[in-house]
Amino acid sequence: HEFRRRPAGVLSGGQQQQLAIARALVA
């Protein structure tokens, strides 16, 4: 939520993994 308007590529590896999990969960 804090980084929601930032490009996903600037996230750390761990944050990108959180994003990948969250993207699956929103469905």
mmCIF file of all heavy atoms, coordinates in Angstrom:
data_MODEL
# 
_entry.id   MODEL 
# 
loop_
_atom_site.group_PDB 
_atom_site.id 
_atom_site.type_symbol 
_atom_site.label_atom_id 
_atom_site.label_alt_id 
_atom_site.label_comp_id 
_atom_site.label_asym_id 
_atom_site.label_entity_id 
_atom_site.label_seq_id 
_atom_site.pdbx_PDB_ins_code 
_atom_site.Cartn_x 
_atom_site.Cartn_y 
_atom_site.Cartn_z 
_atom_site.occupancy 
_atom_site.B_iso_or_equiv 
_atom_site.pdbx_formal_charge 
_atom_site.auth_seq_id 
_atom_site.auth_comp_id 
_atom_site.auth_asym_id 
_atom_site.auth_atom_id 
_atom_site.pdbx_PDB_model_num 
ATOM 1   N N   . HIS A 1 1  ? 0.837   -1.199  0.000   1.00 0.00 ? 1  HIS A N   1 
ATOM 2   C CA  . HIS A 1 1  ? 0.000   0.000   0.000   1.00 0.00 ? 1  HIS A CA  1 
ATOM 3   C C   . HIS A 1 1  ? 0.869   1.245   0.000   1.00 0.00 ? 1  HIS A C   1 
ATOM 4   O O   . HIS A 1 1  ? 0.592   2.223   -0.715  1.00 0.00 ? 1  HIS A O   1 
ATOM 5   C CB  . HIS A 1 1  ? -0.923  -0.016  1.215   1.00 0.00 ? 1  HIS A CB  1 
ATOM 6   C CG  . HIS A 1 1  ? -1.891  1.129   1.217   1.00 0.00 ? 1  HIS A CG  1 
ATOM 7   N ND1 . HIS A 1 1  ? -1.672  2.302   1.913   1.00 0.00 ? 1  HIS A ND1 1 
ATOM 8   C CD2 . HIS A 1 1  ? -3.091  1.279   0.582   1.00 0.00 ? 1  HIS A CD2 1 
ATOM 9   C CE1 . HIS A 1 1  ? -2.682  3.131   1.719   1.00 0.00 ? 1  HIS A CE1 1 
ATOM 10  N NE2 . HIS A 1 1  ? -3.555  2.544   0.922   1.00 0.00 ? 1  HIS A NE2 1 
ATOM 11  N N   . GLU A 1 2  ? 1.944   1.198   0.770   1.00 0.00 ? 2  GLU A N   1 
ATOM 12  C CA  . GLU A 1 2  ? 2.860   2.344   0.828   1.00 0.00 ? 2  GLU A CA  1 
ATOM 13  C C   . GLU A 1 2  ? 3.462   2.640   -0.544  1.00 0.00 ? 2  GLU A C   1 
ATOM 14  O O   . GLU A 1 2  ? 3.639   3.804   -0.929  1.00 0.00 ? 2  GLU A O   1 
ATOM 15  C CB  . GLU A 1 2  ? 3.974   2.046   1.835   1.00 0.00 ? 2  GLU A CB  1 
ATOM 16  C CG  . GLU A 1 2  ? 4.991   3.155   1.995   1.00 0.00 ? 2  GLU A CG  1 
ATOM 17  C CD  . GLU A 1 2  ? 6.109   2.765   2.955   1.00 0.00 ? 2  GLU A CD  1 
ATOM 18  O OE1 . GLU A 1 2  ? 5.985   1.740   3.655   1.00 0.00 ? 2  GLU A OE1 1 
ATOM 19  O OE2 . GLU A 1 2  ? 7.124   3.510   2.990   1.00 0.00 ? 2  GLU A OE2 1 
ATOM 20  N N   . PHE A 1 3  ? 3.764   1.583   -1.298  1.00 0.00 ? 3  PHE A N   1 
ATOM 21  C CA  . PHE A 1 3  ? 4.435   1.735   -2.598  1.00 0.00 ? 3  PHE A CA  1 
ATOM 22  C C   . PHE A 1 3  ? 3.478   1.552   -3.774  1.00 0.00 ? 3  PHE A C   1 
ATOM 23  O O   . PHE A 1 3  ? 3.925   1.356   -4.904  1.00 0.00 ? 3  PHE A O   1 
ATOM 24  C CB  . PHE A 1 3  ? 5.562   0.713   -2.723  1.00 0.00 ? 3  PHE A CB  1 
ATOM 25  C CG  . PHE A 1 3  ? 6.714   0.935   -1.768  1.00 0.00 ? 3  PHE A CG  1 
ATOM 26  C CD1 . PHE A 1 3  ? 7.535   -0.120  -1.406  1.00 0.00 ? 3  PHE A CD1 1 
ATOM 27  C CD2 . PHE A 1 3  ? 6.980   2.179   -1.243  1.00 0.00 ? 3  PHE A CD2 1 
ATOM 28  C CE1 . PHE A 1 3  ? 8.601   0.063   -0.541  1.00 0.00 ? 3  PHE A CE1 1 
ATOM 29  C CE2 . PHE A 1 3  ? 8.040   2.384   -0.370  1.00 0.00 ? 3  PHE A CE2 1 
ATOM 30  C CZ  . PHE A 1 3  ? 8.852   1.327   -0.013  1.00 0.00 ? 3  PHE A CZ  1 
ATOM 31  N N   . ARG A 1 4  ? 2.178   1.665   -3.556  1.00 0.00 ? 4  ARG A N   1 
ATOM 32  C CA  . ARG A 1 4  ? 1.208   1.254   -4.573  1.00 0.00 ? 4  ARG A CA  1 
ATOM 33  C C   . ARG A 1 4  ? 1.308   2.043   -5.870  1.00 0.00 ? 4  ARG A C   1 
ATOM 34  O O   . ARG A 1 4  ? 0.928   1.547   -6.935  1.00 0.00 ? 4  ARG A O   1 
ATOM 35  C CB  . ARG A 1 4  ? -0.215  1.340   -4.011  1.00 0.00 ? 4  ARG A CB  1 
ATOM 36  C CG  . ARG A 1 4  ? -0.696  2.742   -3.656  1.00 0.00 ? 4  ARG A CG  1 
ATOM 37  C CD  . ARG A 1 4  ? -2.013  2.671   -2.873  1.00 0.00 ? 4  ARG A CD  1 
ATOM 38  N NE  . ARG A 1 4  ? -2.545  4.002   -2.555  1.00 0.00 ? 4  ARG A NE  1 
ATOM 39  C CZ  . ARG A 1 4  ? -2.112  4.747   -1.546  1.00 0.00 ? 4  ARG A CZ  1 
ATOM 40  N NH1 . ARG A 1 4  ? -1.131  4.312   -0.760  1.00 0.00 ? 4  ARG A NH1 1 
ATOM 41  N NH2 . ARG A 1 4  ? -2.653  5.934   -1.315  1.00 0.00 ? 4  ARG A NH2 1 
ATOM 42  N N   . ARG A 1 5  ? 1.839   3.268   -5.812  1.00 0.00 ? 5  ARG A N   1 
ATOM 43  C CA  . ARG A 1 5  ? 1.927   4.101   -7.025  1.00 0.00 ? 5  ARG A CA  1 
ATOM 44  C C   . ARG A 1 5  ? 3.333   4.077   -7.640  1.00 0.00 ? 5  ARG A C   1 
ATOM 45  O O   . ARG A 1 5  ? 3.578   4.776   -8.617  1.00 0.00 ? 5  ARG A O   1 
ATOM 46  C CB  . ARG A 1 5  ? 1.504   5.538   -6.710  1.00 0.00 ? 5  ARG A CB  1 
ATOM 47  C CG  . ARG A 1 5  ? 0.027   5.648   -6.338  1.00 0.00 ? 5  ARG A CG  1 
ATOM 48  C CD  . ARG A 1 5  ? -0.423  7.095   -6.230  1.00 0.00 ? 5  ARG A CD  1 
ATOM 49  N NE  . ARG A 1 5  ? -1.847  7.187   -5.951  1.00 0.00 ? 5  ARG A NE  1 
ATOM 50  C CZ  . ARG A 1 5  ? -2.384  7.201   -4.739  1.00 0.00 ? 5  ARG A CZ  1 
ATOM 51  N NH1 . ARG A 1 5  ? -1.582  7.139   -3.670  1.00 0.00 ? 5  ARG A NH1 1 
ATOM 52  N NH2 . ARG A 1 5  ? -3.678  7.275   -4.577  1.00 0.00 ? 5  ARG A NH2 1 
ATOM 53  N N   . ARG A 1 6  ? 4.211   3.256   -7.082  1.00 0.00 ? 6  ARG A N   1 
ATOM 54  C CA  . ARG A 1 6  ? 5.575   3.172   -7.613  1.00 0.00 ? 6  ARG A CA  1 
ATOM 55  C C   . ARG A 1 6  ? 5.696   2.000   -8.582  1.00 0.00 ? 6  ARG A C   1 
ATOM 56  O O   . ARG A 1 6  ? 4.967   1.009   -8.474  1.00 0.00 ? 6  ARG A O   1 
ATOM 57  C CB  . ARG A 1 6  ? 6.582   2.993   -6.483  1.00 0.00 ? 6  ARG A CB  1 
ATOM 58  C CG  . ARG A 1 6  ? 6.608   4.139   -5.492  1.00 0.00 ? 6  ARG A CG  1 
ATOM 59  C CD  . ARG A 1 6  ? 7.751   3.970   -4.514  1.00 0.00 ? 6  ARG A CD  1 
ATOM 60  N NE  . ARG A 1 6  ? 7.704   4.957   -3.447  1.00 0.00 ? 6  ARG A NE  1 
ATOM 61  C CZ  . ARG A 1 6  ? 8.611   5.060   -2.484  1.00 0.00 ? 6  ARG A CZ  1 
ATOM 62  N NH1 . ARG A 1 6  ? 9.640   4.214   -2.454  1.00 0.00 ? 6  ARG A NH1 1 
ATOM 63  N NH2 . ARG A 1 6  ? 8.497   5.978   -1.548  1.00 0.00 ? 6  ARG A NH2 1 
ATOM 64  N N   . PRO A 1 7  ? 6.641   2.088   -9.535  1.00 0.00 ? 7  PRO A N   1 
ATOM 65  C CA  . PRO A 1 7  ? 6.869   0.944   -10.420 1.00 0.00 ? 7  PRO A CA  1 
ATOM 66  C C   . PRO A 1 7  ? 7.304   -0.273  -9.604  1.00 0.00 ? 7  PRO A C   1 
ATOM 67  O O   . PRO A 1 7  ? 8.122   -0.166  -8.683  1.00 0.00 ? 7  PRO A O   1 
ATOM 68  C CB  . PRO A 1 7  ? 7.996   1.416   -11.342 1.00 0.00 ? 7  PRO A CB  1 
ATOM 69  C CG  . PRO A 1 7  ? 7.958   2.910   -11.269 1.00 0.00 ? 7  PRO A CG  1 
ATOM 70  C CD  . PRO A 1 7  ? 7.491   3.245   -9.893  1.00 0.00 ? 7  PRO A CD  1 
ATOM 71  N N   . ALA A 1 8  ? 6.771   -1.417  -9.940  1.00 0.00 ? 8  ALA A N   1 
ATOM 72  C CA  . ALA A 1 8  ? 7.077   -2.632  -9.175  1.00 0.00 ? 8  ALA A CA  1 
ATOM 73  C C   . ALA A 1 8  ? 8.560   -2.991  -9.251  1.00 0.00 ? 8  ALA A C   1 
ATOM 74  O O   . ALA A 1 8  ? 9.083   -3.640  -8.348  1.00 0.00 ? 8  ALA A O   1 
ATOM 75  C CB  . ALA A 1 8  ? 6.231   -3.795  -9.683  1.00 0.00 ? 8  ALA A CB  1 
ATOM 76  N N   . GLY A 1 9  ? 9.230   -2.540  -10.310 1.00 0.00 ? 9  GLY A N   1 
ATOM 77  C CA  . GLY A 1 9  ? 10.637  -2.863  -10.476 1.00 0.00 ? 9  GLY A CA  1 
ATOM 78  C C   . GLY A 1 9  ? 11.548  -2.246  -9.440  1.00 0.00 ? 9  GLY A C   1 
ATOM 79  O O   . GLY A 1 9  ? 12.684  -2.696  -9.273  1.00 0.00 ? 9  GLY A O   1 
ATOM 80  N N   . VAL A 1 10 ? 11.064  -1.219  -8.713  1.00 0.00 ? 10 VAL A N   1 
ATOM 81  C CA  . VAL A 1 10 ? 11.923  -0.594  -7.697  1.00 0.00 ? 10 VAL A CA  1 
ATOM 82  C C   . VAL A 1 10 ? 11.820  -1.323  -6.363  1.00 0.00 ? 10 VAL A C   1 
ATOM 83  O O   . VAL A 1 10 ? 12.583  -1.033  -5.443  1.00 0.00 ? 10 VAL A O   1 
ATOM 84  C CB  . VAL A 1 10 ? 11.575  0.900   -7.495  1.00 0.00 ? 10 VAL A CB  1 
ATOM 85  C CG1 . VAL A 1 10 ? 11.600  1.638   -8.821  1.00 0.00 ? 10 VAL A CG1 1 
ATOM 86  C CG2 . VAL A 1 10 ? 10.230  1.086   -6.800  1.00 0.00 ? 10 VAL A CG2 1 
ATOM 87  N N   . LEU A 1 11 ? 10.915  -2.270  -6.225  1.00 0.00 ? 11 LEU A N   1 
ATOM 88  C CA  . LEU A 1 11 ? 10.774  -3.008  -4.977  1.00 0.00 ? 11 LEU A CA  1 
ATOM 89  C C   . LEU A 1 11 ? 11.954  -3.942  -4.767  1.00 0.00 ? 11 LEU A C   1 
ATOM 90  O O   . LEU A 1 11 ? 12.588  -4.403  -5.727  1.00 0.00 ? 11 LEU A O   1 
ATOM 91  C CB  . LEU A 1 11 ? 9.483   -3.834  -4.988  1.00 0.00 ? 11 LEU A CB  1 
ATOM 92  C CG  . LEU A 1 11 ? 8.152   -3.097  -5.158  1.00 0.00 ? 11 LEU A CG  1 
ATOM 93  C CD1 . LEU A 1 11 ? 7.008   -4.089  -5.116  1.00 0.00 ? 11 LEU A CD1 1 
ATOM 94  C CD2 . LEU A 1 11 ? 7.977   -2.030  -4.097  1.00 0.00 ? 11 LEU A CD2 1 
ATOM 95  N N   . SER A 1 12 ? 12.226  -4.247  -3.515  1.00 0.00 ? 12 SER A N   1 
ATOM 96  C CA  . SER A 1 12 ? 13.244  -5.253  -3.211  1.00 0.00 ? 12 SER A CA  1 
ATOM 97  C C   . SER A 1 12 ? 12.733  -6.640  -3.614  1.00 0.00 ? 12 SER A C   1 
ATOM 98  O O   . SER A 1 12 ? 11.543  -6.816  -3.908  1.00 0.00 ? 12 SER A O   1 
ATOM 99  C CB  . SER A 1 12 ? 13.551  -5.249  -1.713  1.00 0.00 ? 12 SER A CB  1 
ATOM 100 O OG  . SER A 1 12 ? 12.439  -5.759  -0.982  1.00 0.00 ? 12 SER A OG  1 
ATOM 101 N N   . GLY A 1 13 ? 13.621  -7.616  -3.603  1.00 0.00 ? 13 GLY A N   1 
ATOM 102 C CA  . GLY A 1 13 ? 13.227  -8.973  -3.959  1.00 0.00 ? 13 GLY A CA  1 
ATOM 103 C C   . GLY A 1 13 ? 12.122  -9.497  -3.061  1.00 0.00 ? 13 GLY A C   1 
ATOM 104 O O   . GLY A 1 13 ? 11.167  -10.139 -3.531  1.00 0.00 ? 13 GLY A O   1 
ATOM 105 N N   . GLY A 1 14 ? 12.234  -9.245  -1.767  1.00 0.00 ? 14 GLY A N   1 
ATOM 106 C CA  . GLY A 1 14 ? 11.210  -9.695  -0.843  1.00 0.00 ? 14 GLY A CA  1 
ATOM 107 C C   . GLY A 1 14 ? 9.874   -9.012  -1.076  1.00 0.00 ? 14 GLY A C   1 
ATOM 108 O O   . GLY A 1 14 ? 8.811   -9.637  -0.994  1.00 0.00 ? 14 GLY A O   1 
ATOM 109 N N   . GLN A 1 15 ? 9.926   -7.706  -1.374  1.00 0.00 ? 15 GLN A N   1 
ATOM 110 C CA  . GLN A 1 15 ? 8.694   -6.976  -1.646  1.00 0.00 ? 15 GLN A CA  1 
ATOM 111 C C   . GLN A 1 15 ? 8.059   -7.443  -2.950  1.00 0.00 ? 15 GLN A C   1 
ATOM 112 O O   . GLN A 1 15 ? 6.828   -7.532  -3.053  1.00 0.00 ? 15 GLN A O   1 
ATOM 113 C CB  . GLN A 1 15 ? 8.990   -5.477  -1.687  1.00 0.00 ? 15 GLN A CB  1 
ATOM 114 C CG  . GLN A 1 15 ? 9.359   -4.902  -0.329  1.00 0.00 ? 15 GLN A CG  1 
ATOM 115 C CD  . GLN A 1 15 ? 10.028  -3.543  -0.418  1.00 0.00 ? 15 GLN A CD  1 
ATOM 116 O OE1 . GLN A 1 15 ? 10.434  -3.090  -1.499  1.00 0.00 ? 15 GLN A OE1 1 
ATOM 117 N NE2 . GLN A 1 15 ? 10.178  -2.876  0.716   1.00 0.00 ? 15 GLN A NE2 1 
ATOM 118 N N   . GLN A 1 16 ? 8.882   -7.765  -3.945  1.00 0.00 ? 16 GLN A N   1 
ATOM 119 C CA  . GLN A 1 16 ? 8.338   -8.300  -5.189  1.00 0.00 ? 16 GLN A CA  1 
ATOM 120 C C   . GLN A 1 16 ? 7.673   -9.652  -4.968  1.00 0.00 ? 16 GLN A C   1 
ATOM 121 O O   . GLN A 1 16 ? 6.650   -9.967  -5.590  1.00 0.00 ? 16 GLN A O   1 
ATOM 122 C CB  . GLN A 1 16 ? 9.444   -8.413  -6.241  1.00 0.00 ? 16 GLN A CB  1 
ATOM 123 C CG  . GLN A 1 16 ? 9.913   -7.075  -6.772  1.00 0.00 ? 16 GLN A CG  1 
ATOM 124 C CD  . GLN A 1 16 ? 10.949  -7.213  -7.871  1.00 0.00 ? 16 GLN A CD  1 
ATOM 125 O OE1 . GLN A 1 16 ? 11.209  -8.298  -8.379  1.00 0.00 ? 16 GLN A OE1 1 
ATOM 126 N NE2 . GLN A 1 16 ? 11.564  -6.097  -8.252  1.00 0.00 ? 16 GLN A NE2 1 
ATOM 127 N N   . GLN A 1 17 ? 8.235   -10.459 -4.066  1.00 0.00 ? 17 GLN A N   1 
ATOM 128 C CA  . GLN A 1 17 ? 7.599   -11.734 -3.759  1.00 0.00 ? 17 GLN A CA  1 
ATOM 129 C C   . GLN A 1 17 ? 6.257   -11.510 -3.078  1.00 0.00 ? 17 GLN A C   1 
ATOM 130 O O   . GLN A 1 17 ? 5.276   -12.205 -3.367  1.00 0.00 ? 17 GLN A O   1 
ATOM 131 C CB  . GLN A 1 17 ? 8.492   -12.591 -2.864  1.00 0.00 ? 17 GLN A CB  1 
ATOM 132 C CG  . GLN A 1 17 ? 7.946   -13.995 -2.604  1.00 0.00 ? 17 GLN A CG  1 
ATOM 133 C CD  . GLN A 1 17 ? 7.814   -14.800 -3.870  1.00 0.00 ? 17 GLN A CD  1 
ATOM 134 O OE1 . GLN A 1 17 ? 8.798   -15.265 -4.448  1.00 0.00 ? 17 GLN A OE1 1 
ATOM 135 N NE2 . GLN A 1 17 ? 6.591   -14.975 -4.337  1.00 0.00 ? 17 GLN A NE2 1 
ATOM 136 N N   . GLN A 1 18 ? 6.197   -10.534 -2.172  1.00 0.00 ? 18 GLN A N   1 
ATOM 137 C CA  . GLN A 1 18 ? 4.924   -10.196 -1.554  1.00 0.00 ? 18 GLN A CA  1 
ATOM 138 C C   . GLN A 1 18 ? 3.913   -9.757  -2.606  1.00 0.00 ? 18 GLN A C   1 
ATOM 139 O O   . GLN A 1 18 ? 2.730   -10.130 -2.549  1.00 0.00 ? 18 GLN A O   1 
ATOM 140 C CB  . GLN A 1 18 ? 5.132   -9.093  -0.519  1.00 0.00 ? 18 GLN A CB  1 
ATOM 141 C CG  . GLN A 1 18 ? 5.916   -9.535  0.703   1.00 0.00 ? 18 GLN A CG  1 
ATOM 142 C CD  . GLN A 1 18 ? 6.156   -8.404  1.689   1.00 0.00 ? 18 GLN A CD  1 
ATOM 143 O OE1 . GLN A 1 18 ? 5.793   -7.251  1.433   1.00 0.00 ? 18 GLN A OE1 1 
ATOM 144 N NE2 . GLN A 1 18 ? 6.774   -8.723  2.806   1.00 0.00 ? 18 GLN A NE2 1 
ATOM 145 N N   . LEU A 1 19 ? 4.366   -8.979  -3.583  1.00 0.00 ? 19 LEU A N   1 
ATOM 146 C CA  . LEU A 1 19 ? 3.481   -8.526  -4.655  1.00 0.00 ? 19 LEU A CA  1 
ATOM 147 C C   . LEU A 1 19 ? 2.975   -9.703  -5.480  1.00 0.00 ? 19 LEU A C   1 
ATOM 148 O O   . LEU A 1 19 ? 1.789   -9.760  -5.846  1.00 0.00 ? 19 LEU A O   1 
ATOM 149 C CB  . LEU A 1 19 ? 4.210   -7.519  -5.544  1.00 0.00 ? 19 LEU A CB  1 
ATOM 150 C CG  . LEU A 1 19 ? 3.454   -7.018  -6.782  1.00 0.00 ? 19 LEU A CG  1 
ATOM 151 C CD1 . LEU A 1 19 ? 2.133   -6.375  -6.387  1.00 0.00 ? 19 LEU A CD1 1 
ATOM 152 C CD2 . LEU A 1 19 ? 4.326   -6.038  -7.571  1.00 0.00 ? 19 LEU A CD2 1 
ATOM 153 N N   . ALA A 1 20 ? 3.851   -10.651 -5.782  1.00 0.00 ? 20 ALA A N   1 
ATOM 154 C CA  . ALA A 1 20 ? 3.437   -11.819 -6.567  1.00 0.00 ? 20 ALA A CA  1 
ATOM 155 C C   . ALA A 1 20 ? 2.373   -12.626 -5.830  1.00 0.00 ? 20 ALA A C   1 
ATOM 156 O O   . ALA A 1 20 ? 1.398   -13.093 -6.431  1.00 0.00 ? 20 ALA A O   1 
ATOM 157 C CB  . ALA A 1 20 ? 4.651   -12.691 -6.881  1.00 0.00 ? 20 ALA A CB  1 
ATOM 158 N N   . ILE A 1 21 ? 2.552   -12.789 -4.520  1.00 0.00 ? 21 ILE A N   1 
ATOM 159 C CA  . ILE A 1 21 ? 1.563   -13.520 -3.729  1.00 0.00 ? 21 ILE A CA  1 
ATOM 160 C C   . ILE A 1 21 ? 0.258   -12.731 -3.676  1.00 0.00 ? 21 ILE A C   1 
ATOM 161 O O   . ILE A 1 21 ? -0.839  -13.283 -3.867  1.00 0.00 ? 21 ILE A O   1 
ATOM 162 C CB  . ILE A 1 21 ? 2.094   -13.787 -2.313  1.00 0.00 ? 21 ILE A CB  1 
ATOM 163 C CG1 . ILE A 1 21 ? 3.305   -14.735 -2.369  1.00 0.00 ? 21 ILE A CG1 1 
ATOM 164 C CG2 . ILE A 1 21 ? 1.005   -14.379 -1.423  1.00 0.00 ? 21 ILE A CG2 1 
ATOM 165 C CD1 . ILE A 1 21 ? 4.028   -14.893 -1.037  1.00 0.00 ? 21 ILE A CD1 1 
ATOM 166 N N   . ALA A 1 22 ? 0.357   -11.430 -3.425  1.00 0.00 ? 22 ALA A N   1 
ATOM 167 C CA  . ALA A 1 22 ? -0.838  -10.597 -3.338  1.00 0.00 ? 22 ALA A CA  1 
ATOM 168 C C   . ALA A 1 22 ? -1.592  -10.572 -4.655  1.00 0.00 ? 22 ALA A C   1 
ATOM 169 O O   . ALA A 1 22 ? -2.831  -10.579 -4.674  1.00 0.00 ? 22 ALA A O   1 
ATOM 170 C CB  . ALA A 1 22 ? -0.447  -9.176  -2.925  1.00 0.00 ? 22 ALA A CB  1 
ATOM 171 N N   . ARG A 1 23 ? -0.880  -10.538 -5.770  1.00 0.00 ? 23 ARG A N   1 
ATOM 172 C CA  . ARG A 1 23 ? -1.539  -10.513 -7.090  1.00 0.00 ? 23 ARG A CA  1 
ATOM 173 C C   . ARG A 1 23 ? -2.377  -11.772 -7.292  1.00 0.00 ? 23 ARG A C   1 
ATOM 174 O O   . ARG A 1 23 ? -3.469  -11.720 -7.868  1.00 0.00 ? 23 ARG A O   1 
ATOM 175 C CB  . ARG A 1 23 ? -0.483  -10.389 -8.196  1.00 0.00 ? 23 ARG A CB  1 
ATOM 176 C CG  . ARG A 1 23 ? -1.084  -10.245 -9.599  1.00 0.00 ? 23 ARG A CG  1 
ATOM 177 C CD  . ARG A 1 23 ? -0.005  -10.048 -10.634 1.00 0.00 ? 23 ARG A CD  1 
ATOM 178 N NE  . ARG A 1 23 ? 0.929   -11.155 -10.642 1.00 0.00 ? 23 ARG A NE  1 
ATOM 179 C CZ  . ARG A 1 23 ? 2.083   -11.161 -11.322 1.00 0.00 ? 23 ARG A CZ  1 
ATOM 180 N NH1 . ARG A 1 23 ? 2.439   -10.098 -12.030 1.00 0.00 ? 23 ARG A NH1 1 
ATOM 181 N NH2 . ARG A 1 23 ? 2.873   -12.211 -11.294 1.00 0.00 ? 23 ARG A NH2 1 
ATOM 182 N N   . ALA A 1 24 ? -1.865  -12.922 -6.834  1.00 0.00 ? 24 ALA A N   1 
ATOM 183 C CA  . ALA A 1 24 ? -2.650  -14.152 -6.927  1.00 0.00 ? 24 ALA A CA  1 
ATOM 184 C C   . ALA A 1 24 ? -3.854  -14.104 -5.997  1.00 0.00 ? 24 ALA A C   1 
ATOM 185 O O   . ALA A 1 24 ? -4.941  -14.594 -6.334  1.00 0.00 ? 24 ALA A O   1 
ATOM 186 C CB  . ALA A 1 24 ? -1.774  -15.360 -6.610  1.00 0.00 ? 24 ALA A CB  1 
ATOM 187 N N   . LEU A 1 25 ? -3.685  -13.517 -4.820  1.00 0.00 ? 25 LEU A N   1 
ATOM 188 C CA  . LEU A 1 25 ? -4.760  -13.521 -3.825  1.00 0.00 ? 25 LEU A CA  1 
ATOM 189 C C   . LEU A 1 25 ? -5.920  -12.598 -4.188  1.00 0.00 ? 25 LEU A C   1 
ATOM 190 O O   . LEU A 1 25 ? -7.061  -12.867 -3.806  1.00 0.00 ? 25 LEU A O   1 
ATOM 191 C CB  . LEU A 1 25 ? -4.207  -13.111 -2.463  1.00 0.00 ? 25 LEU A CB  1 
ATOM 192 C CG  . LEU A 1 25 ? -3.352  -14.151 -1.734  1.00 0.00 ? 25 LEU A CG  1 
ATOM 193 C CD1 . LEU A 1 25 ? -2.771  -13.543 -0.468  1.00 0.00 ? 25 LEU A CD1 1 
ATOM 194 C CD2 . LEU A 1 25 ? -4.184  -15.377 -1.395  1.00 0.00 ? 25 LEU A CD2 1 
ATOM 195 N N   . VAL A 1 26 ? -5.661  -11.504 -4.915  1.00 0.00 ? 26 VAL A N   1 
ATOM 196 C CA  . VAL A 1 26 ? -6.749  -10.573 -5.191  1.00 0.00 ? 26 VAL A CA  1 
ATOM 197 C C   . VAL A 1 26 ? -7.826  -11.207 -6.063  1.00 0.00 ? 26 VAL A C   1 
ATOM 198 O O   . VAL A 1 26 ? -8.981  -10.753 -6.067  1.00 0.00 ? 26 VAL A O   1 
ATOM 199 C CB  . VAL A 1 26 ? -6.249  -9.263  -5.850  1.00 0.00 ? 26 VAL A CB  1 
ATOM 200 C CG1 . VAL A 1 26 ? -5.361  -8.484  -4.903  1.00 0.00 ? 26 VAL A CG1 1 
ATOM 201 C CG2 . VAL A 1 26 ? -5.546  -9.523  -7.171  1.00 0.00 ? 26 VAL A CG2 1 
ATOM 202 N N   . ALA A 1 27 ? -7.486  -12.263 -6.779  1.00 0.00 ? 27 ALA A N   1 
ATOM 203 C CA  . ALA A 1 27 ? -8.490  -12.978 -7.566  1.00 0.00 ? 27 ALA A CA  1 
ATOM 204 C C   . ALA A 1 27 ? -9.368  -13.866 -6.698  1.00 0.00 ? 27 ALA A C   1 
ATOM 205 O O   . ALA A 1 27 ? -10.292 -14.491 -7.206  1.00 0.00 ? 27 ALA A O   1 
ATOM 206 C CB  . ALA A 1 27 ? -7.803  -13.820 -8.640  1.00 0.00 ? 27 ALA A CB  1 
# 
